[in-house]
Amino acid sequence: MTPRSTARPTPPPRPGAEPDLPGVDPAWHRWVTAVDAAGAGERTWHLLDGAPSVAGPVRGTVLAVHGNPTWSFLWRSVVAEAATAGWRVVAVDQLDMGWSERTGTRRRLGQRVDDLLALTDALGLTGPDADPELPLVSLGHDWGGLVSVGWALRVRARGQRLAALTLTNTAVHQPLEARLPPALRVVTAPGVLPAVTVRTAGFVRGTLATTRLRAPADRRAR
């Protein structure tokens, strides 16, 4: 499903010692522990939680799930703009991504869905502590969209209500005979994948180079 790990921002911050990030309110940073659904104890997640920026009662919560090679920083504008409308955005760093814990394991789609559900249970967004009257919206990008769809199905199977599901840049289905685009075939070749996703930030830099709108240098550096 995914590479074992991708290059994280350097150096990773310690909880309580987060660096200044453009467009990110320092009050949004949170580290949360949740049970590893595979039975490996607890895992530590980093996320951006826009609750401190919501003035008055929260109207609903958006769970934002990034893909690859992004992390919670992707959603900074969504966190800020939603807060002005009374919506709380919780933008996660998936395990082995961003500033969340490096597990040293290959976590495939089903495991990542389980991971996310364990996290939202710990946050009280789902599970017995969830507010059934508060709308819950899932927002997914890239393969994070597939994780969020799996999570949404698990939530519905529990009998809990999901107000909306939004996907961006997500391929929900591909024919079995379909091949990856040429650039991705090169990146995922044996020996190349670890070099560009684990040992270096080559995949991230290559992705940024393909964008039509050039991000400012301080954003690209993150």
C-alpha atoms as a PDB file:
ATOM      1  CA  MET A   1       0.000   0.000   0.000  1.00  0.00           C
ATOM      2  CA  THR A   2       2.662   2.495   1.006  1.00  0.00           C
ATOM      3  CA  PRO A   3       6.407   2.747   1.494  1.00  0.00           C
ATOM      4  CA  ARG A   4       7.595   1.890   4.958  1.00  0.00           C
ATOM      5  CA  SER A   5       8.405   5.501   5.713  1.00  0.00           C
ATOM      6  CA  THR A   6       8.912   8.821   3.998  1.00  0.00           C
ATOM      7  CA  ALA A   7      11.379  11.553   4.786  1.00  0.00           C
ATOM      8  CA  ARG A   8      10.017  13.646   7.601  1.00  0.00           C
ATOM      9  CA  PRO A   9      10.678  17.341   8.310  1.00  0.00           C
ATOM     10  CA  THR A  10      14.169  17.736   9.781  1.00  0.00           C
ATOM     11  CA  PRO A  11      14.659  17.753  12.676  1.00  0.00           C
ATOM     12  CA  PRO A  12      11.403  16.322  14.086  1.00  0.00           C
ATOM     13  CA  PRO A  13      10.216  18.500  16.956  1.00  0.00           C
ATOM     14  CA  ARG A  14       9.723  17.344  20.506  1.00  0.00           C
ATOM     15  CA  PRO A  15       6.222  17.828  21.937  1.00  0.00           C
ATOM     16  CA  GLY A  16       6.174  21.330  23.345  1.00  0.00           C
ATOM     17  CA  ALA A  17       9.104  22.447  21.184  1.00  0.00           C
ATOM     18  CA  GLU A  18       7.457  22.745  17.778  1.00  0.00           C
ATOM     19  CA  PRO A  19       9.116  25.067  15.240  1.00  0.00           C
ATOM     20  CA  ASP A  20       7.282  27.991  13.702  1.00  0.00           C
ATOM     21  CA  LEU A  21       5.552  26.864  10.522  1.00  0.00           C
ATOM     22  CA  PRO A  22       4.129  29.332   7.993  1.00  0.00           C
ATOM     23  CA  GLY A  23       0.337  29.363   8.213  1.00  0.00           C
ATOM     24  CA  VAL A  24       0.217  27.137  11.308  1.00  0.00           C
ATOM     25  CA  ASP A  25      -0.953  28.400  14.702  1.00  0.00           C
ATOM     26  CA  PRO A  26       1.357  26.843  17.341  1.00  0.00           C
ATOM     27  CA  ALA A  27      -1.754  26.093  19.420  1.00  0.00           C
ATOM     28  CA  TRP A  28      -2.866  23.543  16.810  1.00  0.00           C
ATOM     29  CA  HIS A  29      -0.041  21.066  17.481  1.00  0.00           C
ATOM     30  CA  ARG A  30      -1.080  17.971  19.421  1.00  0.00           C
ATOM     31  CA  TRP A  31       0.532  14.625  20.182  1.00  0.00           C
ATOM     32  CA  VAL A  32      -1.957  11.853  20.935  1.00  0.00           C
ATOM     33  CA  THR A  33      -1.398   8.213  21.919  1.00  0.00           C
ATOM     34  CA  ALA A  34      -3.703   5.536  20.585  1.00  0.00           C
ATOM     35  CA  VAL A  35      -3.716   1.756  20.799  1.00  0.00           C
ATOM     36  CA  ASP A  36      -2.031  -0.043  17.913  1.00  0.00           C
ATOM     37  CA  ALA A  37      -4.754  -2.234  16.416  1.00  0.00           C
ATOM     38  CA  ALA A  38      -2.082  -4.864  15.623  1.00  0.00           C
ATOM     39  CA  GLY A  39      -1.444  -5.316  19.333  1.00  0.00           C
ATOM     40  CA  ALA A  40       1.908  -3.530  19.547  1.00  0.00           C
ATOM     41  CA  GLY A  41       0.943  -1.308  22.467  1.00  0.00           C
ATOM     42  CA  GLU A  42       0.387   2.408  21.912  1.00  0.00           C
ATOM     43  CA  ARG A  43       1.520   4.626  19.063  1.00  0.00           C
ATOM     44  CA  THR A  44       2.119   8.362  19.184  1.00  0.00           C
ATOM     45  CA  TRP A  45       0.444  10.537  16.573  1.00  0.00           C
ATOM     46  CA  HIS A  46       1.031  14.161  15.695  1.00  0.00           C
ATOM     47  CA  LEU A  47      -1.900  16.178  14.413  1.00  0.00           C
ATOM     48  CA  LEU A  48      -3.063  19.718  13.835  1.00  0.00           C
ATOM     49  CA  ASP A  49      -6.232  20.423  15.809  1.00  0.00           C
ATOM     50  CA  GLY A  50      -8.019  23.659  14.930  1.00  0.00           C
ATOM     51  CA  ALA A  51     -10.251  23.629  18.023  1.00  0.00           C
ATOM     52  CA  PRO A  52      -8.337  26.498  19.744  1.00  0.00           C
ATOM     53  CA  SER A  53      -9.167  28.771  16.795  1.00  0.00           C
ATOM     54  CA  VAL A  54     -12.926  28.140  16.869  1.00  0.00           C
ATOM     55  CA  ALA A  55     -14.748  30.979  18.590  1.00  0.00           C
ATOM     56  CA  GLY A  56     -17.890  29.737  20.296  1.00  0.00           C
ATOM     57  CA  PRO A  57     -19.499  26.293  20.032  1.00  0.00           C
ATOM     58  CA  VAL A  58     -18.069  23.864  17.490  1.00  0.00           C
ATOM     59  CA  ARG A  59     -20.554  23.254  14.668  1.00  0.00           C
ATOM     60  CA  GLY A  60     -18.890  20.053  13.465  1.00  0.00           C
ATOM     61  CA  THR A  61     -15.569  18.281  12.992  1.00  0.00           C
ATOM     62  CA  VAL A  62     -13.610  17.546   9.816  1.00  0.00           C
ATOM     63  CA  LEU A  63     -11.101  14.687   9.872  1.00  0.00           C
ATOM     64  CA  ALA A  64      -8.430  15.476   7.251  1.00  0.00           C
ATOM     65  CA  VAL A  65      -6.235  12.600   6.055  1.00  0.00           C
ATOM     66  CA  HIS A  66      -3.211  13.306   3.858  1.00  0.00           C
ATOM     67  CA  GLY A  67      -1.643  11.065   1.245  1.00  0.00           C
ATOM     68  CA  ASN A  68       1.973  10.786   0.062  1.00  0.00           C
ATOM     69  CA  PRO A  69       4.320  12.644   0.201  1.00  0.00           C
ATOM     70  CA  THR A  70       2.352  15.162   2.254  1.00  0.00           C
ATOM     71  CA  TRP A  71       1.560  15.473   5.964  1.00  0.00           C
ATOM     72  CA  SER A  72      -0.801  17.538   8.150  1.00  0.00           C
ATOM     73  CA  PHE A  73       0.854  20.773   6.960  1.00  0.00           C
ATOM     74  CA  LEU A  74      -1.081  20.231   3.707  1.00  0.00           C
ATOM     75  CA  TRP A  75      -4.318  21.202   5.485  1.00  0.00           C
ATOM     76  CA  ARG A  76      -3.162  24.408   7.254  1.00  0.00           C
ATOM     77  CA  SER A  77      -5.413  26.719   5.201  1.00  0.00           C
ATOM     78  CA  VAL A  78      -8.383  24.383   5.641  1.00  0.00           C
ATOM     79  CA  VAL A  79      -7.835  24.357   9.419  1.00  0.00           C
ATOM     80  CA  ALA A  80      -7.769  28.160   9.572  1.00  0.00           C
ATOM     81  CA  GLU A  81     -10.674  28.854   7.226  1.00  0.00           C
ATOM     82  CA  ALA A  82     -12.950  26.209   8.712  1.00  0.00           C
ATOM     83  CA  ALA A  83     -12.375  27.639  12.199  1.00  0.00           C
ATOM     84  CA  THR A  84     -13.816  30.992  11.118  1.00  0.00           C
ATOM     85  CA  ALA A  85     -17.047  29.158  10.235  1.00  0.00           C
ATOM     86  CA  GLY A  86     -17.162  27.312  13.551  1.00  0.00           C
ATOM     87  CA  TRP A  87     -15.783  24.003  12.265  1.00  0.00           C
ATOM     88  CA  ARG A  88     -12.990  22.109  13.972  1.00  0.00           C
ATOM     89  CA  VAL A  89     -10.490  20.431  11.646  1.00  0.00           C
ATOM     90  CA  VAL A  90      -8.343  17.571  12.914  1.00  0.00           C
ATOM     91  CA  ALA A  91      -5.543  16.992  10.386  1.00  0.00           C
ATOM     92  CA  VAL A  92      -3.536  13.870  11.190  1.00  0.00           C
ATOM     93  CA  ASP A  93      -0.016  12.763  10.377  1.00  0.00           C
ATOM     94  CA  GLN A  94      -0.451   9.109   9.501  1.00  0.00           C
ATOM     95  CA  LEU A  95       1.910   6.744  11.312  1.00  0.00           C
ATOM     96  CA  ASP A  96       5.381   6.693   9.708  1.00  0.00           C
ATOM     97  CA  MET A  97       4.600  10.070   8.123  1.00  0.00           C
ATOM     98  CA  GLY A  98       5.093  13.704   9.139  1.00  0.00           C
ATOM     99  CA  TRP A  99       5.863  13.957  12.849  1.00  0.00           C
ATOM    100  CA  SER A 100       4.012  10.829  13.935  1.00  0.00           C
ATOM    101  CA  GLU A 101       5.790   7.774  15.310  1.00  0.00           C
ATOM    102  CA  ARG A 102       8.015   5.646  13.069  1.00  0.00           C
ATOM    103  CA  THR A 103       6.786   2.106  13.621  1.00  0.00           C
ATOM    104  CA  GLY A 104       9.387   0.279  11.542  1.00  0.00           C
ATOM    105  CA  THR A 105       6.600  -1.811  10.003  1.00  0.00           C
ATOM    106  CA  ARG A 106       4.914  -1.941   6.611  1.00  0.00           C
ATOM    107  CA  ARG A 107       1.359  -0.809   7.266  1.00  0.00           C
ATOM    108  CA  ARG A 108      -0.999  -1.734   4.467  1.00  0.00           C
ATOM    109  CA  LEU A 109      -4.446  -0.314   3.770  1.00  0.00           C
ATOM    110  CA  GLY A 110      -6.409  -2.370   6.311  1.00  0.00           C
ATOM    111  CA  GLN A 111      -3.896  -1.617   9.053  1.00  0.00           C
ATOM    112  CA  ARG A 112      -3.980   2.106   8.304  1.00  0.00           C
ATOM    113  CA  VAL A 113      -7.774   2.083   8.493  1.00  0.00           C
ATOM    114  CA  ASP A 114      -7.536   0.358  11.875  1.00  0.00           C
ATOM    115  CA  ASP A 115      -4.900   2.883  12.967  1.00  0.00           C
ATOM    116  CA  LEU A 116      -7.120   5.813  12.068  1.00  0.00           C
ATOM    117  CA  LEU A 117     -10.157   4.382  13.816  1.00  0.00           C
ATOM    118  CA  ALA A 118      -8.117   3.783  16.978  1.00  0.00           C
ATOM    119  CA  LEU A 119      -6.984   7.409  16.849  1.00  0.00           C
ATOM    120  CA  THR A 120     -10.474   8.859  16.375  1.00  0.00           C
ATOM    121  CA  ASP A 121     -11.718   6.689  19.226  1.00  0.00           C
ATOM    122  CA  ALA A 122      -8.938   8.089  21.427  1.00  0.00           C
ATOM    123  CA  LEU A 123      -9.926  11.626  20.399  1.00  0.00           C
ATOM    124  CA  GLY A 124     -13.602  10.981  21.127  1.00  0.00           C
ATOM    125  CA  LEU A 125     -14.609  11.674  17.528  1.00  0.00           C
ATOM    126  CA  THR A 126     -15.855   8.094  17.227  1.00  0.00           C
ATOM    127  CA  GLY A 127     -16.643   5.382  19.739  1.00  0.00           C
ATOM    128  CA  PRO A 128     -18.632   5.625  22.975  1.00  0.00           C
ATOM    129  CA  ASP A 129     -17.413   9.130  23.802  1.00  0.00           C
ATOM    130  CA  ALA A 130     -18.502  10.668  20.484  1.00  0.00           C
ATOM    131  CA  ASP A 131     -21.250  13.282  20.386  1.00  0.00           C
ATOM    132  CA  PRO A 132     -23.963  11.774  18.123  1.00  0.00           C
ATOM    133  CA  GLU A 133     -25.416  15.220  17.395  1.00  0.00           C
ATOM    134  CA  LEU A 134     -22.140  16.752  16.154  1.00  0.00           C
ATOM    135  CA  PRO A 135     -21.626  16.395  12.372  1.00  0.00           C
ATOM    136  CA  LEU A 136     -18.478  14.488  11.403  1.00  0.00           C
ATOM    137  CA  VAL A 137     -16.955  14.968   7.938  1.00  0.00           C
ATOM    138  CA  SER A 138     -14.109  12.991   6.364  1.00  0.00           C
ATOM    139  CA  LEU A 139     -11.702  14.781   4.001  1.00  0.00           C
ATOM    140  CA  GLY A 140      -9.085  12.677   2.204  1.00  0.00           C
ATOM    141  CA  HIS A 141      -6.286  13.411  -0.261  1.00  0.00           C
ATOM    142  CA  ASP A 142      -4.410  11.012  -2.556  1.00  0.00           C
ATOM    143  CA  TRP A 143      -4.158   7.523  -0.990  1.00  0.00           C
ATOM    144  CA  GLY A 144      -5.257   9.124   2.276  1.00  0.00           C
ATOM    145  CA  GLY A 145      -8.620   9.224   0.546  1.00  0.00           C
ATOM    146  CA  LEU A 146      -8.685   5.417   0.409  1.00  0.00           C
ATOM    147  CA  VAL A 147      -7.793   5.254   4.096  1.00  0.00           C
ATOM    148  CA  SER A 148     -10.568   7.717   4.910  1.00  0.00           C
ATOM    149  CA  VAL A 149     -13.113   5.708   2.875  1.00  0.00           C
ATOM    150  CA  GLY A 150     -12.203   2.549   4.771  1.00  0.00           C
ATOM    151  CA  TRP A 151     -12.459   4.465   8.028  1.00  0.00           C
ATOM    152  CA  ALA A 152     -15.867   5.862   7.031  1.00  0.00           C
ATOM    153  CA  LEU A 153     -17.172   2.350   6.287  1.00  0.00           C
ATOM    154  CA  ARG A 154     -15.990   1.144   9.696  1.00  0.00           C
ATOM    155  CA  VAL A 155     -17.721   4.109  11.352  1.00  0.00           C
ATOM    156  CA  ARG A 156     -20.988   3.366   9.533  1.00  0.00           C
ATOM    157  CA  ALA A 157     -20.742  -0.333  10.387  1.00  0.00           C
ATOM    158  CA  ARG A 158     -20.753   0.698  14.043  1.00  0.00           C
ATOM    159  CA  GLY A 159     -24.014   2.537  13.493  1.00  0.00           C
ATOM    160  CA  GLN A 160     -22.474   5.985  13.810  1.00  0.00           C
ATOM    161  CA  ARG A 161     -23.412   8.787  11.440  1.00  0.00           C
ATOM    162  CA  LEU A 162     -21.000  10.422   9.018  1.00  0.00           C
ATOM    163  CA  ALA A 163     -22.320  13.687   7.595  1.00  0.00           C
ATOM    164  CA  ALA A 164     -20.128  13.775   4.478  1.00  0.00           C
ATOM    165  CA  LEU A 165     -17.149  12.197   2.742  1.00  0.00           C
ATOM    166  CA  THR A 166     -14.946  14.305   0.452  1.00  0.00           C
ATOM    167  CA  LEU A 167     -12.087  12.965  -1.684  1.00  0.00           C
ATOM    168  CA  THR A 168      -9.453  14.916  -3.609  1.00  0.00           C
ATOM    169  CA  ASN A 169      -6.949  13.514  -6.118  1.00  0.00           C
ATOM    170  CA  THR A 170      -7.987   9.978  -5.159  1.00  0.00           C
ATOM    171  CA  ALA A 171      -8.323   7.004  -7.517  1.00  0.00           C
ATOM    172  CA  VAL A 172     -11.085   4.895  -5.995  1.00  0.00           C
ATOM    173  CA  HIS A 173     -10.808   2.130  -8.613  1.00  0.00           C
ATOM    174  CA  GLN A 174      -8.268   1.061 -11.211  1.00  0.00           C
ATOM    175  CA  PRO A 175      -8.644  -1.866 -13.634  1.00  0.00           C
ATOM    176  CA  LEU A 176      -6.385  -4.777 -12.707  1.00  0.00           C
ATOM    177  CA  GLU A 177      -4.506  -4.431 -15.977  1.00  0.00           C
ATOM    178  CA  ALA A 178      -3.849  -0.704 -15.493  1.00  0.00           C
ATOM    179  CA  ARG A 179      -0.218   0.313 -15.018  1.00  0.00           C
ATOM    180  CA  LEU A 180       1.205   3.070 -12.888  1.00  0.00           C
ATOM    181  CA  PRO A 181       2.123   6.324 -14.642  1.00  0.00           C
ATOM    182  CA  PRO A 182       5.717   6.254 -15.971  1.00  0.00           C
ATOM    183  CA  ALA A 183       7.109   8.529 -13.265  1.00  0.00           C
ATOM    184  CA  LEU A 184       5.682   6.346 -10.491  1.00  0.00           C
ATOM    185  CA  ARG A 185       6.975   3.174 -12.174  1.00  0.00           C
ATOM    186  CA  VAL A 186      10.476   4.626 -11.975  1.00  0.00           C
ATOM    187  CA  VAL A 187      10.083   5.712  -8.347  1.00  0.00           C
ATOM    188  CA  THR A 188       8.732   2.333  -7.204  1.00  0.00           C
ATOM    189  CA  ALA A 189      11.421   0.288  -8.957  1.00  0.00           C
ATOM    190  CA  PRO A 190      13.431  -2.050  -6.669  1.00  0.00           C
ATOM    191  CA  GLY A 191      16.273  -0.146  -5.038  1.00  0.00           C
ATOM    192  CA  VAL A 192      14.897   3.240  -6.049  1.00  0.00           C
ATOM    193  CA  LEU A 193      11.942   3.457  -3.661  1.00  0.00           C
ATOM    194  CA  PRO A 194      13.957   3.432  -0.389  1.00  0.00           C
ATOM    195  CA  ALA A 195      16.472   5.895  -1.827  1.00  0.00           C
ATOM    196  CA  VAL A 196      13.865   8.524  -2.700  1.00  0.00           C
ATOM    197  CA  THR A 197      11.338   8.003   0.119  1.00  0.00           C
ATOM    198  CA  VAL A 198      13.347   6.908   3.172  1.00  0.00           C
ATOM    199  CA  ARG A 199      17.000   7.907   2.850  1.00  0.00           C
ATOM    200  CA  THR A 200      16.359  11.205   1.063  1.00  0.00           C
ATOM    201  CA  ALA A 201      13.532  13.654   0.366  1.00  0.00           C
ATOM    202  CA  GLY A 202      13.894  13.104  -3.385  1.00  0.00           C
ATOM    203  CA  PHE A 203      10.273  12.045  -3.907  1.00  0.00           C
ATOM    204  CA  VAL A 204       9.006  15.135  -2.077  1.00  0.00           C
ATOM    205  CA  ARG A 205      11.266  17.472  -4.051  1.00  0.00           C
ATOM    206  CA  GLY A 206      10.267  15.816  -7.310  1.00  0.00           C
ATOM    207  CA  THR A 207       6.588  16.225  -6.476  1.00  0.00           C
ATOM    208  CA  LEU A 208       7.042  19.914  -5.729  1.00  0.00           C
ATOM    209  CA  ALA A 209       8.869  20.382  -9.029  1.00  0.00           C
ATOM    210  CA  THR A 210       5.822  19.130 -10.994  1.00  0.00           C
ATOM    211  CA  THR A 211       3.350  21.659  -9.573  1.00  0.00           C
ATOM    212  CA  ARG A 212       2.098  24.440 -11.810  1.00  0.00           C
ATOM    213  CA  LEU A 213       1.822  26.953  -8.976  1.00  0.00           C
ATOM    214  CA  ARG A 214       5.238  27.405  -7.411  1.00  0.00           C
ATOM    215  CA  ALA A 215       4.978  27.423  -3.624  1.00  0.00           C
ATOM    216  CA  PRO A 216       7.016  30.003  -1.678  1.00  0.00           C
ATOM    217  CA  ALA A 217      10.409  28.747  -0.512  1.00  0.00           C
ATOM    218  CA  ASP A 218       9.383  28.530   3.147  1.00  0.00           C
ATOM    219  CA  ARG A 219       6.432  26.267   2.215  1.00  0.00           C
ATOM    220  CA  ARG A 220       8.561  24.070  -0.056  1.00  0.00           C
ATOM    221  CA  ALA A 221      11.078  23.601   2.749  1.00  0.00           C
ATOM    222  CA  ARG A 222       8.398  22.048   4.955  1.00  0.00           C
END
